Amino acid sequence: MLMIKTFSVLVYILIKDRLKSTDDVYIDREYEGYNKLIKQIIIDLYEDNGNAAEKPSLHFANIGKKSRAHFLAINAYRKKKADLKVTSGDVLKLVL
């Protein structure tokens, strides 16, 4: 369960300051069978952190290696440079 919670927290951290309530978020199907739980954890994080009015509409899909999301992620990994830096402390505050 720690893996699912950590994944959910990381998705939340990634999207929390960048979206409006009308935005749709598509999450890659990393953990089949846990989509409902992942969605609930993210929604709970929005509510627990005073962002209930800004909850995005969450969807799960197979993103694939030809998507823009994959391109951005692989480039950030290769260049060791990203738009957002997340520390273990950031994650632990929300996981525990």
C-alpha atoms as a PDB file:
ATOM      1  CA  MET A   1       0.000   0.000   0.000  1.00  0.00           C
ATOM      2  CA  LEU A   2       2.928   2.358   0.601  1.00  0.00           C
ATOM      3  CA  MET A   3       3.735   2.224  -3.122  1.00  0.00           C
ATOM      4  CA  ILE A   4       0.166   3.219  -4.081  1.00  0.00           C
ATOM      5  CA  LYS A   5       0.059   6.010  -1.503  1.00  0.00           C
ATOM      6  CA  THR A   6       3.470   7.335  -2.609  1.00  0.00           C
ATOM      7  CA  PHE A   7       2.453   7.273  -6.273  1.00  0.00           C
ATOM      8  CA  SER A   8      -0.764   9.114  -5.447  1.00  0.00           C
ATOM      9  CA  VAL A   9       1.065  11.733  -3.385  1.00  0.00           C
ATOM     10  CA  LEU A  10       3.552  12.326  -6.195  1.00  0.00           C
ATOM     11  CA  VAL A  11       0.739  12.816  -8.712  1.00  0.00           C
ATOM     12  CA  TYR A  12      -0.940  15.235  -6.289  1.00  0.00           C
ATOM     13  CA  ILE A  13       2.267  17.227  -5.804  1.00  0.00           C
ATOM     14  CA  LEU A  14       2.725  17.405  -9.551  1.00  0.00           C
ATOM     15  CA  ILE A  15      -0.750  18.750 -10.310  1.00  0.00           C
ATOM     16  CA  LYS A  16      -1.903  20.619  -7.182  1.00  0.00           C
ATOM     17  CA  ASP A  17      -0.687  24.114  -8.090  1.00  0.00           C
ATOM     18  CA  ARG A  18      -1.153  23.866 -11.825  1.00  0.00           C
ATOM     19  CA  LEU A  19      -4.802  23.065 -12.333  1.00  0.00           C
ATOM     20  CA  LYS A  20      -8.245  24.532 -12.116  1.00  0.00           C
ATOM     21  CA  SER A  21     -11.287  22.533 -11.109  1.00  0.00           C
ATOM     22  CA  THR A  22     -12.336  22.236 -14.746  1.00  0.00           C
ATOM     23  CA  ASP A  23      -9.089  20.627 -15.850  1.00  0.00           C
ATOM     24  CA  ASP A  24      -8.933  16.968 -16.749  1.00  0.00           C
ATOM     25  CA  VAL A  25      -5.959  14.923 -15.589  1.00  0.00           C
ATOM     26  CA  TYR A  26      -5.006  11.692 -17.317  1.00  0.00           C
ATOM     27  CA  ILE A  27      -2.923   9.299 -15.240  1.00  0.00           C
ATOM     28  CA  ASP A  28      -1.060   6.388 -16.773  1.00  0.00           C
ATOM     29  CA  ARG A  29      -2.331   2.992 -15.659  1.00  0.00           C
ATOM     30  CA  GLU A  30       0.703   2.084 -13.604  1.00  0.00           C
ATOM     31  CA  TYR A  31      -1.126   0.052 -10.977  1.00  0.00           C
ATOM     32  CA  GLU A  32      -4.055  -1.835 -12.530  1.00  0.00           C
ATOM     33  CA  GLY A  33      -6.759  -2.568 -10.022  1.00  0.00           C
ATOM     34  CA  TYR A  34      -5.860   0.416  -7.825  1.00  0.00           C
ATOM     35  CA  ASN A  35      -7.217   3.269  -9.965  1.00  0.00           C
ATOM     36  CA  LYS A  36     -10.193   3.879  -7.690  1.00  0.00           C
ATOM     37  CA  LEU A  37      -7.940   3.994  -4.610  1.00  0.00           C
ATOM     38  CA  ILE A  38      -5.403   6.292  -6.308  1.00  0.00           C
ATOM     39  CA  LYS A  39      -8.190   8.647  -7.341  1.00  0.00           C
ATOM     40  CA  GLN A  40      -9.622   8.695  -3.815  1.00  0.00           C
ATOM     41  CA  ILE A  41      -6.227   9.392  -2.228  1.00  0.00           C
ATOM     42  CA  ILE A  42      -5.643  12.341  -4.593  1.00  0.00           C
ATOM     43  CA  ILE A  43      -9.126  13.749  -3.940  1.00  0.00           C
ATOM     44  CA  ASP A  44      -8.593  13.343  -0.179  1.00  0.00           C
ATOM     45  CA  LEU A  45      -5.288  15.214  -0.449  1.00  0.00           C
ATOM     46  CA  TYR A  46      -7.032  18.087  -2.218  1.00  0.00           C
ATOM     47  CA  GLU A  47      -9.665  18.241   0.516  1.00  0.00           C
ATOM     48  CA  ASP A  48      -7.189  17.849   3.394  1.00  0.00           C
ATOM     49  CA  ASN A  49      -5.051  20.693   2.067  1.00  0.00           C
ATOM     50  CA  GLY A  50      -7.847  23.208   1.560  1.00  0.00           C
ATOM     51  CA  ASN A  51      -8.148  22.786  -2.200  1.00  0.00           C
ATOM     52  CA  ALA A  52     -11.503  21.016  -2.336  1.00  0.00           C
ATOM     53  CA  ALA A  53     -12.917  23.550  -4.798  1.00  0.00           C
ATOM     54  CA  GLU A  54     -10.005  22.971  -7.182  1.00  0.00           C
ATOM     55  CA  LYS A  55     -10.250  19.198  -7.519  1.00  0.00           C
ATOM     56  CA  PRO A  56      -9.457  18.075 -11.057  1.00  0.00           C
ATOM     57  CA  SER A  57     -11.374  15.468 -12.988  1.00  0.00           C
ATOM     58  CA  LEU A  58      -9.152  12.371 -12.838  1.00  0.00           C
ATOM     59  CA  HIS A  59      -9.030   9.747 -15.581  1.00  0.00           C
ATOM     60  CA  PHE A  60      -6.856   6.699 -16.150  1.00  0.00           C
ATOM     61  CA  ALA A  61      -5.524   5.738 -19.569  1.00  0.00           C
ATOM     62  CA  ASN A  62      -2.640   4.005 -21.270  1.00  0.00           C
ATOM     63  CA  ILE A  63      -0.436   6.990 -22.041  1.00  0.00           C
ATOM     64  CA  GLY A  64       2.198   5.319 -24.192  1.00  0.00           C
ATOM     65  CA  LYS A  65       5.720   6.196 -25.256  1.00  0.00           C
ATOM     66  CA  LYS A  66       4.643   8.465 -28.105  1.00  0.00           C
ATOM     67  CA  SER A  67       2.755  10.887 -25.879  1.00  0.00           C
ATOM     68  CA  ARG A  68       3.898  14.397 -25.017  1.00  0.00           C
ATOM     69  CA  ALA A  69       3.934  13.413 -21.343  1.00  0.00           C
ATOM     70  CA  HIS A  70       6.406  10.603 -22.001  1.00  0.00           C
ATOM     71  CA  PHE A  71       8.568  12.905 -24.137  1.00  0.00           C
ATOM     72  CA  LEU A  72       8.712  15.541 -21.375  1.00  0.00           C
ATOM     73  CA  ALA A  73       9.460  12.976 -18.677  1.00  0.00           C
ATOM     74  CA  ILE A  74      12.231  11.200 -20.581  1.00  0.00           C
ATOM     75  CA  ASN A  75      13.878  14.500 -21.505  1.00  0.00           C
ATOM     76  CA  ALA A  76      13.790  15.685 -17.893  1.00  0.00           C
ATOM     77  CA  TYR A  77      15.349  12.376 -16.819  1.00  0.00           C
ATOM     78  CA  ARG A  78      18.084  12.460 -19.463  1.00  0.00           C
ATOM     79  CA  LYS A  79      18.984  16.108 -18.868  1.00  0.00           C
ATOM     80  CA  LYS A  80      18.637  15.781 -15.075  1.00  0.00           C
ATOM     81  CA  LYS A  81      16.533  18.940 -15.157  1.00  0.00           C
ATOM     82  CA  ALA A  82      12.846  19.304 -14.417  1.00  0.00           C
ATOM     83  CA  ASP A  83      10.331  22.054 -13.739  1.00  0.00           C
ATOM     84  CA  LEU A  84       9.596  20.710 -10.273  1.00  0.00           C
ATOM     85  CA  LYS A  85      11.857  19.248  -7.603  1.00  0.00           C
ATOM     86  CA  VAL A  86      10.258  16.996  -5.004  1.00  0.00           C
ATOM     87  CA  THR A  87      12.134  15.915  -1.902  1.00  0.00           C
ATOM     88  CA  SER A  88      11.521  12.920   0.291  1.00  0.00           C
ATOM     89  CA  GLY A  89      10.360  15.354   2.976  1.00  0.00           C
ATOM     90  CA  ASP A  90       7.677  16.705   0.629  1.00  0.00           C
ATOM     91  CA  VAL A  91       6.377  13.196   0.091  1.00  0.00           C
ATOM     92  CA  LEU A  92       6.664  12.034   3.696  1.00  0.00           C
ATOM     93  CA  LYS A  93       4.599  14.984   4.964  1.00  0.00           C
ATOM     94  CA  LEU A  94       1.695  13.745   2.857  1.00  0.00           C
ATOM     95  CA  VAL A  95       2.221   9.982   3.034  1.00  0.00           C
ATOM     96  CA  LEU A  96       2.359   9.700   6.803  1.00  0.00           C
END
